Amino acid sequence: MPELPEAEVVRRQLHAAVVGTTIKHIRVGRKDIIRQGVESLSWYSGSRITEVQRHGKSVALICERGAEERVVAAELGMTGLLLFTREAIPSAKHV
């Protein structure tokens, strides 16, 4: 599990990489890991990331769409992995 210094490194790297970008597509592999707001995920498509904050070992992406602002809070968990891609990655099909 990342400690505070690692969480701050993640925040800084995210800030440099995503602030000012527009979210085109969101895919959540397991919806059961989302504590609240799964029904409003579609709102984030087309929103712009305006800021990245750290709160303890969690990272918050501040998103803006029109005059409305919402937050995606991500707990870094055991690995601290958040995946951002330039293009949508196709879902893996199990055979």
PDB file of N, CA and C in Angstrom:
ATOM      1  N   MET A   1       0.848  -1.182   0.000  1.00  0.00           N
ATOM      2  CA  MET A   1       0.000   0.000   0.000  1.00  0.00           C
ATOM      3  C   MET A   1       0.889   1.240   0.000  1.00  0.00           C
ATOM      4  N   PRO A   2       0.616   2.163  -0.901  1.00  0.00           N
ATOM      5  CA  PRO A   2       1.436   3.377  -0.952  1.00  0.00           C
ATOM      6  C   PRO A   2       1.341   4.184   0.343  1.00  0.00           C
ATOM      7  N   GLU A   3       2.444   4.762   0.737  1.00  0.00           N
ATOM      8  CA  GLU A   3       2.457   5.660   1.889  1.00  0.00           C
ATOM      9  C   GLU A   3       2.248   7.091   1.378  1.00  0.00           C
ATOM     10  N   LEU A   4       2.169   8.050   2.302  1.00  0.00           N
ATOM     11  CA  LEU A   4       1.887   9.434   1.907  1.00  0.00           C
ATOM     12  C   LEU A   4       2.859   9.996   0.861  1.00  0.00           C
ATOM     13  N   PRO A   5       4.171   9.765   0.990  1.00  0.00           N
ATOM     14  CA  PRO A   5       5.064  10.307  -0.044  1.00  0.00           C
ATOM     15  C   PRO A   5       4.763   9.741  -1.440  1.00  0.00           C
ATOM     16  N   GLU A   6       4.451   8.435  -1.514  1.00  0.00           N
ATOM     17  CA  GLU A   6       4.114   7.836  -2.806  1.00  0.00           C
ATOM     18  C   GLU A   6       2.793   8.384  -3.334  1.00  0.00           C
ATOM     19  N   ALA A   7       1.830   8.604  -2.439  1.00  0.00           N
ATOM     20  CA  ALA A   7       0.543   9.173  -2.847  1.00  0.00           C
ATOM     21  C   ALA A   7       0.738  10.581  -3.407  1.00  0.00           C
ATOM     22  N   GLU A   8       1.636  11.341  -2.838  1.00  0.00           N
ATOM     23  CA  GLU A   8       1.912  12.687  -3.345  1.00  0.00           C
ATOM     24  C   GLU A   8       2.593  12.623  -4.710  1.00  0.00           C
ATOM     25  N   VAL A   9       3.461  11.641  -4.908  1.00  0.00           N
ATOM     26  CA  VAL A   9       4.089  11.457  -6.220  1.00  0.00           C
ATOM     27  C   VAL A   9       3.019  11.135  -7.262  1.00  0.00           C
ATOM     28  N   VAL A  10       2.077  10.266  -6.925  1.00  0.00           N
ATOM     29  CA  VAL A  10       0.973   9.937  -7.837  1.00  0.00           C
ATOM     30  C   VAL A  10       0.185  11.201  -8.162  1.00  0.00           C
ATOM     31  N   ARG A  11      -0.121  12.005  -7.159  1.00  0.00           N
ATOM     32  CA  ARG A  11      -0.875  13.241  -7.379  1.00  0.00           C
ATOM     33  C   ARG A  11      -0.136  14.170  -8.343  1.00  0.00           C
ATOM     34  N   ARG A  12       1.150  14.342  -8.112  1.00  0.00           N
ATOM     35  CA  ARG A  12       1.940  15.238  -8.968  1.00  0.00           C
ATOM     36  C   ARG A  12       2.012  14.727 -10.406  1.00  0.00           C
ATOM     37  N   GLN A  13       2.210  13.421 -10.552  1.00  0.00           N
ATOM     38  CA  GLN A  13       2.273  12.850 -11.901  1.00  0.00           C
ATOM     39  C   GLN A  13       0.928  12.983 -12.612  1.00  0.00           C
ATOM     40  N   LEU A  14      -0.159  12.711 -11.887  1.00  0.00           N
ATOM     41  CA  LEU A  14      -1.491  12.872 -12.476  1.00  0.00           C
ATOM     42  C   LEU A  14      -1.746  14.321 -12.861  1.00  0.00           C
ATOM     43  N   HIS A  15      -1.374  15.229 -11.976  1.00  0.00           N
ATOM     44  CA  HIS A  15      -1.578  16.651 -12.252  1.00  0.00           C
ATOM     45  C   HIS A  15      -0.896  17.039 -13.564  1.00  0.00           C
ATOM     46  N   ALA A  16       0.349  16.621 -13.719  1.00  0.00           N
ATOM     47  CA  ALA A  16       1.098  16.955 -14.934  1.00  0.00           C
ATOM     48  C   ALA A  16       0.491  16.307 -16.178  1.00  0.00           C
ATOM     49  N   ALA A  17      -0.087  15.127 -16.022  1.00  0.00           N
ATOM     50  CA  ALA A  17      -0.575  14.374 -17.181  1.00  0.00           C
ATOM     51  C   ALA A  17      -2.012  14.683 -17.573  1.00  0.00           C
ATOM     52  N   VAL A  18      -2.889  15.002 -16.605  1.00  0.00           N
ATOM     53  CA  VAL A  18      -4.313  15.043 -16.948  1.00  0.00           C
ATOM     54  C   VAL A  18      -5.019  16.379 -16.759  1.00  0.00           C
ATOM     55  N   VAL A  19      -4.446  17.313 -16.012  1.00  0.00           N
ATOM     56  CA  VAL A  19      -5.143  18.592 -15.815  1.00  0.00           C
ATOM     57  C   VAL A  19      -5.286  19.297 -17.164  1.00  0.00           C
ATOM     58  N   GLY A  20      -6.504  19.708 -17.456  1.00  0.00           N
ATOM     59  CA  GLY A  20      -6.804  20.366 -18.720  1.00  0.00           C
ATOM     60  C   GLY A  20      -7.302  19.429 -19.804  1.00  0.00           C
ATOM     61  N   THR A  21      -7.247  18.123 -19.545  1.00  0.00           N
ATOM     62  CA  THR A  21      -7.720  17.168 -20.545  1.00  0.00           C
ATOM     63  C   THR A  21      -9.211  16.904 -20.374  1.00  0.00           C
ATOM     64  N   THR A  22      -9.816  16.391 -21.428  1.00  0.00           N
ATOM     65  CA  THR A  22     -11.238  16.057 -21.414  1.00  0.00           C
ATOM     66  C   THR A  22     -11.389  14.548 -21.365  1.00  0.00           C
ATOM     67  N   ILE A  23     -12.268  14.080 -20.508  1.00  0.00           N
ATOM     68  CA  ILE A  23     -12.548  12.647 -20.397  1.00  0.00           C
ATOM     69  C   ILE A  23     -13.457  12.257 -21.550  1.00  0.00           C
ATOM     70  N   LYS A  24     -13.023  11.296 -22.351  1.00  0.00           N
ATOM     71  CA  LYS A  24     -13.823  10.848 -23.486  1.00  0.00           C
ATOM     72  C   LYS A  24     -14.634   9.608 -23.149  1.00  0.00           C
ATOM     73  N   HIS A  25     -14.060   8.724 -22.350  1.00  0.00           N
ATOM     74  CA  HIS A  25     -14.710   7.442 -22.061  1.00  0.00           C
ATOM     75  C   HIS A  25     -14.260   6.959 -20.689  1.00  0.00           C
ATOM     76  N   ILE A  26     -15.185   6.366 -19.955  1.00  0.00           N
ATOM     77  CA  ILE A  26     -14.848   5.772 -18.659  1.00  0.00           C
ATOM     78  C   ILE A  26     -15.285   4.320 -18.683  1.00  0.00           C
ATOM     79  N   ARG A  27     -14.399   3.462 -18.229  1.00  0.00           N
ATOM     80  CA  ARG A  27     -14.764   2.057 -18.084  1.00  0.00           C
ATOM     81  C   ARG A  27     -14.307   1.596 -16.706  1.00  0.00           C
ATOM     82  N   VAL A  28     -15.205   0.989 -15.997  1.00  0.00           N
ATOM     83  CA  VAL A  28     -14.892   0.432 -14.685  1.00  0.00           C
ATOM     84  C   VAL A  28     -15.001  -1.078 -14.812  1.00  0.00           C
ATOM     85  N   GLY A  29     -13.908  -1.764 -14.529  1.00  0.00           N
ATOM     86  CA  GLY A  29     -13.896  -3.219 -14.666  1.00  0.00           C
ATOM     87  C   GLY A  29     -14.832  -3.915 -13.696  1.00  0.00           C
ATOM     88  N   ARG A  30     -14.887  -3.429 -12.469  1.00  0.00           N
ATOM     89  CA  ARG A  30     -15.742  -4.036 -11.438  1.00  0.00           C
ATOM     90  C   ARG A  30     -16.537  -2.935 -10.764  1.00  0.00           C
ATOM     91  N   LYS A  31     -17.809  -2.861 -11.066  1.00  0.00           N
ATOM     92  CA  LYS A  31     -18.646  -1.807 -10.489  1.00  0.00           C
ATOM     93  C   LYS A  31     -18.854  -1.982  -8.987  1.00  0.00           C
ATOM     94  N   ASP A  32     -18.604  -3.185  -8.460  1.00  0.00           N
ATOM     95  CA  ASP A  32     -18.788  -3.408  -7.029  1.00  0.00           C
ATOM     96  C   ASP A  32     -17.729  -2.694  -6.191  1.00  0.00           C
ATOM     97  N   ILE A  33     -16.680  -2.178  -6.816  1.00  0.00           N
ATOM     98  CA  ILE A  33     -15.666  -1.454  -6.041  1.00  0.00           C
ATOM     99  C   ILE A  33     -16.002   0.025  -5.912  1.00  0.00           C
ATOM    100  N   ILE A  34     -17.051   0.471  -6.598  1.00  0.00           N
ATOM    101  CA  ILE A  34     -17.470   1.867  -6.505  1.00  0.00           C
ATOM    102  C   ILE A  34     -18.436   1.995  -5.341  1.00  0.00           C
ATOM    103  N   ARG A  35     -18.088   2.836  -4.389  1.00  0.00           N
ATOM    104  CA  ARG A  35     -18.910   2.974  -3.181  1.00  0.00           C
ATOM    105  C   ARG A  35     -20.201   3.726  -3.432  1.00  0.00           C
ATOM    106  N   GLN A  36     -20.141   4.777  -4.222  1.00  0.00           N
ATOM    107  CA  GLN A  36     -21.353   5.527  -4.550  1.00  0.00           C
ATOM    108  C   GLN A  36     -21.155   6.247  -5.869  1.00  0.00           C
ATOM    109  N   GLY A  37     -22.257   6.502  -6.567  1.00  0.00           N
ATOM    110  CA  GLY A  37     -22.201   7.273  -7.795  1.00  0.00           C
ATOM    111  C   GLY A  37     -22.064   6.484  -9.078  1.00  0.00           C
ATOM    112  N   VAL A  38     -22.142   5.146  -9.006  1.00  0.00           N
ATOM    113  CA  VAL A  38     -21.986   4.354 -10.232  1.00  0.00           C
ATOM    114  C   VAL A  38     -23.028   4.746 -11.278  1.00  0.00           C
ATOM    115  N   GLU A  39     -24.215   5.158 -10.826  1.00  0.00           N
ATOM    116  CA  GLU A  39     -25.281   5.531 -11.762  1.00  0.00           C
ATOM    117  C   GLU A  39     -24.989   6.847 -12.482  1.00  0.00           C
ATOM    118  N   SER A  40     -24.048   7.629 -11.983  1.00  0.00           N
ATOM    119  CA  SER A  40     -23.756   8.921 -12.620  1.00  0.00           C
ATOM    120  C   SER A  40     -22.416   8.941 -13.359  1.00  0.00           C
ATOM    121  N   LEU A  41     -21.828   7.782 -13.620  1.00  0.00           N
ATOM    122  CA  LEU A  41     -20.537   7.742 -14.317  1.00  0.00           C
ATOM    123  C   LEU A  41     -20.595   8.399 -15.688  1.00  0.00           C
ATOM    124  N   SER A  42     -21.728   8.291 -16.373  1.00  0.00           N
ATOM    125  CA  SER A  42     -21.826   8.859 -17.725  1.00  0.00           C
ATOM    126  C   SER A  42     -21.641  10.380 -17.717  1.00  0.00           C
ATOM    127  N   TRP A  43     -21.926  11.037 -16.581  1.00  0.00           N
ATOM    128  CA  TRP A  43     -21.745  12.490 -16.495  1.00  0.00           C
ATOM    129  C   TRP A  43     -20.305  12.884 -16.817  1.00  0.00           C
ATOM    130  N   TYR A  44     -19.355  12.050 -16.437  1.00  0.00           N
ATOM    131  CA  TYR A  44     -17.938  12.395 -16.578  1.00  0.00           C
ATOM    132  C   TYR A  44     -17.449  12.383 -18.026  1.00  0.00           C
ATOM    133  N   SER A  45     -18.126  11.639 -18.907  1.00  0.00           N
ATOM    134  CA  SER A  45     -17.746  11.670 -20.321  1.00  0.00           C
ATOM    135  C   SER A  45     -18.016  13.068 -20.856  1.00  0.00           C
ATOM    136  N   GLY A  46     -16.991  13.712 -21.346  1.00  0.00           N
ATOM    137  CA  GLY A  46     -17.104  15.080 -21.829  1.00  0.00           C
ATOM    138  C   GLY A  46     -16.718  16.125 -20.796  1.00  0.00           C
ATOM    139  N   SER A  47     -16.450  15.691 -19.573  1.00  0.00           N
ATOM    140  CA  SER A  47     -16.033  16.655 -18.547  1.00  0.00           C
ATOM    141  C   SER A  47     -14.527  16.910 -18.658  1.00  0.00           C
ATOM    142  N   ARG A  48     -14.099  18.025 -18.110  1.00  0.00           N
ATOM    143  CA  ARG A  48     -12.693  18.433 -18.150  1.00  0.00           C
ATOM    144  C   ARG A  48     -12.098  18.315 -16.755  1.00  0.00           C
ATOM    145  N   ILE A  49     -10.914  17.734 -16.651  1.00  0.00           N
ATOM    146  CA  ILE A  49     -10.221  17.623 -15.366  1.00  0.00           C
ATOM    147  C   ILE A  49      -9.523  18.952 -15.105  1.00  0.00           C
ATOM    148  N   THR A  50      -9.910  19.603 -14.011  1.00  0.00           N
ATOM    149  CA  THR A  50      -9.371  20.934 -13.723  1.00  0.00           C
ATOM    150  C   THR A  50      -8.321  20.936 -12.619  1.00  0.00           C
ATOM    151  N   GLU A  51      -8.308  19.892 -11.806  1.00  0.00           N
ATOM    152  CA  GLU A  51      -7.374  19.875 -10.680  1.00  0.00           C
ATOM    153  C   GLU A  51      -7.227  18.451 -10.166  1.00  0.00           C
ATOM    154  N   VAL A  52      -6.074  18.152  -9.577  1.00  0.00           N
ATOM    155  CA  VAL A  52      -5.843  16.876  -8.902  1.00  0.00           C
ATOM    156  C   VAL A  52      -5.392  17.199  -7.487  1.00  0.00           C
ATOM    157  N   GLN A  53      -6.095  16.638  -6.510  1.00  0.00           N
ATOM    158  CA  GLN A  53      -5.764  16.872  -5.104  1.00  0.00           C
ATOM    159  C   GLN A  53      -5.461  15.546  -4.421  1.00  0.00           C
ATOM    160  N   ARG A  54      -4.750  15.622  -3.312  1.00  0.00           N
ATOM    161  CA  ARG A  54      -4.514  14.439  -2.479  1.00  0.00           C
ATOM    162  C   ARG A  54      -5.147  14.681  -1.127  1.00  0.00           C
ATOM    163  N   HIS A  55      -5.846  13.692  -0.646  1.00  0.00           N
ATOM    164  CA  HIS A  55      -6.433  13.718   0.694  1.00  0.00           C
ATOM    165  C   HIS A  55      -5.994  12.428   1.372  1.00  0.00           C
ATOM    166  N   GLY A  56      -4.983  12.530   2.221  1.00  0.00           N
ATOM    167  CA  GLY A  56      -4.425  11.323   2.817  1.00  0.00           C
ATOM    168  C   GLY A  56      -3.818  10.466   1.717  1.00  0.00           C
ATOM    169  N   LYS A  57      -4.237   9.199   1.644  1.00  0.00           N
ATOM    170  CA  LYS A  57      -3.736   8.290   0.613  1.00  0.00           C
ATOM    171  C   LYS A  57      -4.711   8.164  -0.551  1.00  0.00           C
ATOM    172  N   SER A  58      -5.645   9.083  -0.641  1.00  0.00           N
ATOM    173  CA  SER A  58      -6.604   9.110  -1.749  1.00  0.00           C
ATOM    174  C   SER A  58      -6.287  10.275  -2.672  1.00  0.00           C
ATOM    175  N   VAL A  59      -6.648  10.110  -3.931  1.00  0.00           N
ATOM    176  CA  VAL A  59      -6.453  11.148  -4.936  1.00  0.00           C
ATOM    177  C   VAL A  59      -7.825  11.571  -5.441  1.00  0.00           C
ATOM    178  N   ALA A  60      -8.022  12.868  -5.605  1.00  0.00           N
ATOM    179  CA  ALA A  60      -9.296  13.400  -6.091  1.00  0.00           C
ATOM    180  C   ALA A  60      -9.073  14.125  -7.408  1.00  0.00           C
ATOM    181  N   LEU A  61      -9.847  13.740  -8.416  1.00  0.00           N
ATOM    182  CA  LEU A  61      -9.838  14.429  -9.701  1.00  0.00           C
ATOM    183  C   LEU A  61     -11.036  15.362  -9.715  1.00  0.00           C
ATOM    184  N   ILE A  62     -10.791  16.651  -9.814  1.00  0.00           N
ATOM    185  CA  ILE A  62     -11.861  17.642  -9.865  1.00  0.00           C
ATOM    186  C   ILE A  62     -12.245  17.799 -11.334  1.00  0.00           C
ATOM    187  N   CYS A  63     -13.511  17.514 -11.639  1.00  0.00           N
ATOM    188  CA  CYS A  63     -13.987  17.536 -13.023  1.00  0.00           C
ATOM    189  C   CYS A  63     -15.066  18.594 -13.187  1.00  0.00           C
ATOM    190  N   GLU A  64     -15.064  19.227 -14.346  1.00  0.00           N
ATOM    191  CA  GLU A  64     -15.983  20.324 -14.630  1.00  0.00           C
ATOM    192  C   GLU A  64     -16.685  20.046 -15.957  1.00  0.00           C
ATOM    193  N   ARG A  65     -17.975  20.262 -15.955  1.00  0.00           N
ATOM    194  CA  ARG A  65     -18.760  20.132 -17.190  1.00  0.00           C
ATOM    195  C   ARG A  65     -19.782  21.249 -17.164  1.00  0.00           C
ATOM    196  N   GLY A  66     -19.614  22.219 -18.042  1.00  0.00           N
ATOM    197  CA  GLY A  66     -20.456  23.411 -17.983  1.00  0.00           C
ATOM    198  C   GLY A  66     -20.168  24.142 -16.684  1.00  0.00           C
ATOM    199  N   ALA A  67     -21.219  24.505 -15.963  1.00  0.00           N
ATOM    200  CA  ALA A  67     -21.051  25.212 -14.689  1.00  0.00           C
ATOM    201  C   ALA A  67     -20.986  24.251 -13.508  1.00  0.00           C
ATOM    202  N   GLU A  68     -21.117  22.952 -13.770  1.00  0.00           N
ATOM    203  CA  GLU A  68     -21.155  21.962 -12.683  1.00  0.00           C
ATOM    204  C   GLU A  68     -19.777  21.350 -12.455  1.00  0.00           C
ATOM    205  N   GLU A  69     -19.472  21.083 -11.196  1.00  0.00           N
ATOM    206  CA  GLU A  69     -18.197  20.483 -10.807  1.00  0.00           C
ATOM    207  C   GLU A  69     -18.484  19.240  -9.980  1.00  0.00           C
ATOM    208  N   ARG A  70     -17.781  18.154 -10.288  1.00  0.00           N
ATOM    209  CA  ARG A  70     -17.891  16.912  -9.522  1.00  0.00           C
ATOM    210  C   ARG A  70     -16.493  16.366  -9.270  1.00  0.00           C
ATOM    211  N   VAL A  71     -16.421  15.424  -8.347  1.00  0.00           N
ATOM    212  CA  VAL A  71     -15.124  14.880  -7.934  1.00  0.00           C
ATOM    213  C   VAL A  71     -15.122  13.363  -8.071  1.00  0.00           C
ATOM    214  N   VAL A  72     -14.038  12.836  -8.620  1.00  0.00           N
ATOM    215  CA  VAL A  72     -13.784  11.398  -8.607  1.00  0.00           C
ATOM    216  C   VAL A  72     -12.705  11.182  -7.557  1.00  0.00           C
ATOM    217  N   ALA A  73     -13.035  10.441  -6.519  1.00  0.00           N
ATOM    218  CA  ALA A  73     -12.060  10.136  -5.468  1.00  0.00           C
ATOM    219  C   ALA A  73     -11.601   8.694  -5.649  1.00  0.00           C
ATOM    220  N   ALA A  74     -10.294   8.500  -5.699  1.00  0.00           N
ATOM    221  CA  ALA A  74      -9.731   7.167  -5.887  1.00  0.00           C
ATOM    222  C   ALA A  74      -8.824   6.838  -4.715  1.00  0.00           C
ATOM    223  N   GLU A  75      -9.131   5.733  -4.047  1.00  0.00           N
ATOM    224  CA  GLU A  75      -8.239   5.238  -3.003  1.00  0.00           C
ATOM    225  C   GLU A  75      -7.166   4.420  -3.698  1.00  0.00           C
ATOM    226  N   LEU A  76      -5.923   4.679  -3.380  1.00  0.00           N
ATOM    227  CA  LEU A  76      -4.831   4.053  -4.113  1.00  0.00           C
ATOM    228  C   LEU A  76      -4.682   2.564  -3.822  1.00  0.00           C
ATOM    229  N   GLY A  77      -5.250   2.073  -2.750  1.00  0.00           N
ATOM    230  CA  GLY A  77      -5.275   0.631  -2.491  1.00  0.00           C
ATOM    231  C   GLY A  77      -3.897   0.015  -2.345  1.00  0.00           C
ATOM    232  N   MET A  78      -3.813  -1.264  -2.656  1.00  0.00           N
ATOM    233  CA  MET A  78      -2.563  -2.000  -2.466  1.00  0.00           C
ATOM    234  C   MET A  78      -1.490  -1.594  -3.475  1.00  0.00           C
ATOM    235  N   THR A  79      -1.887  -1.323  -4.713  1.00  0.00           N
ATOM    236  CA  THR A  79      -0.884  -1.059  -5.750  1.00  0.00           C
ATOM    237  C   THR A  79      -0.748   0.411  -6.098  1.00  0.00           C
ATOM    238  N   GLY A  80      -1.778   1.196  -5.858  1.00  0.00           N
ATOM    239  CA  GLY A  80      -1.755   2.594  -6.257  1.00  0.00           C
ATOM    240  C   GLY A  80      -1.951   2.782  -7.747  1.00  0.00           C
ATOM    241  N   LEU A  81      -2.490   1.771  -8.432  1.00  0.00           N
ATOM    242  CA  LEU A  81      -2.614   1.812  -9.888  1.00  0.00           C
ATOM    243  C   LEU A  81      -3.882   2.520 -10.342  1.00  0.00           C
ATOM    244  N   LEU A  82      -3.711   3.534 -11.148  1.00  0.00           N
ATOM    245  CA  LEU A  82      -4.796   4.177 -11.888  1.00  0.00           C
ATOM    246  C   LEU A  82      -4.346   4.152 -13.339  1.00  0.00           C
ATOM    247  N   LEU A  83      -5.225   3.761 -14.242  1.00  0.00           N
ATOM    248  CA  LEU A  83      -4.843   3.619 -15.642  1.00  0.00           C
ATOM    249  C   LEU A  83      -5.543   4.671 -16.486  1.00  0.00           C
ATOM    250  N   PHE A  84      -4.767   5.466 -17.178  1.00  0.00           N
ATOM    251  CA  PHE A  84      -5.278   6.468 -18.116  1.00  0.00           C
ATOM    252  C   PHE A  84      -4.693   6.133 -19.475  1.00  0.00           C
ATOM    253  N   THR A  85      -5.533   6.118 -20.507  1.00  0.00           N
ATOM    254  CA  THR A  85      -5.054   5.835 -21.859  1.00  0.00           C
ATOM    255  C   THR A  85      -5.549   6.919 -22.809  1.00  0.00           C
ATOM    256  N   ARG A  86      -4.870   7.078 -23.907  1.00  0.00           N
ATOM    257  CA  ARG A  86      -5.299   8.051 -24.913  1.00  0.00           C
ATOM    258  C   ARG A  86      -6.472   7.519 -25.724  1.00  0.00           C
ATOM    259  N   GLU A  87      -6.559   6.220 -25.885  1.00  0.00           N
ATOM    260  CA  GLU A  87      -7.641   5.580 -26.633  1.00  0.00           C
ATOM    261  C   GLU A  87      -8.317   4.548 -25.737  1.00  0.00           C
ATOM    262  N   ALA A  88      -9.593   4.293 -26.004  1.00  0.00           N
ATOM    263  CA  ALA A  88     -10.318   3.276 -25.239  1.00  0.00           C
ATOM    264  C   ALA A  88      -9.692   1.909 -25.505  1.00  0.00           C
ATOM    265  N   ILE A  89      -9.541   1.123 -24.460  1.00  0.00           N
ATOM    266  CA  ILE A  89      -9.005  -0.229 -24.578  1.00  0.00           C
ATOM    267  C   ILE A  89     -10.186  -1.181 -24.649  1.00  0.00           C
ATOM    268  N   PRO A  90     -10.233  -2.069 -25.656  1.00  0.00           N
ATOM    269  CA  PRO A  90     -11.358  -3.002 -25.748  1.00  0.00           C
ATOM    270  C   PRO A  90     -11.411  -3.909 -24.526  1.00  0.00           C
ATOM    271  N   SER A  91     -12.621  -4.242 -24.105  1.00  0.00           N
ATOM    272  CA  SER A  91     -12.797  -5.159 -22.980  1.00  0.00           C
ATOM    273  C   SER A  91     -12.329  -6.546 -23.385  1.00  0.00           C
ATOM    274  N   ALA A  92     -11.670  -7.226 -22.451  1.00  0.00           N
ATOM    275  CA  ALA A  92     -11.238  -8.599 -22.713  1.00  0.00           C
ATOM    276  C   ALA A  92     -12.448  -9.519 -22.674  1.00  0.00           C
ATOM    277  N   LYS A  93     -12.504 -10.440 -23.604  1.00  0.00           N
ATOM    278  CA  LYS A  93     -13.592 -11.418 -23.647  1.00  0.00           C
ATOM    279  C   LYS A  93     -13.070 -12.723 -23.058  1.00  0.00           C
ATOM    280  N   HIS A  94     -13.825 -13.272 -22.111  1.00  0.00           N
ATOM    281  CA  HIS A  94     -13.458 -14.573 -21.548  1.00  0.00           C
ATOM    282  C   HIS A  94     -14.082 -15.667 -22.398  1.00  0.00           C
ATOM    283  N   VAL A  95     -13.317 -16.704 -22.667  1.00  0.00           N
ATOM    284  CA  VAL A  95     -13.818 -17.805 -23.497  1.00  0.00           C
ATOM    285  C   VAL A  95     -14.184 -18.955 -22.611  1.00  0.00           C
TER     286      VAL A  95
END
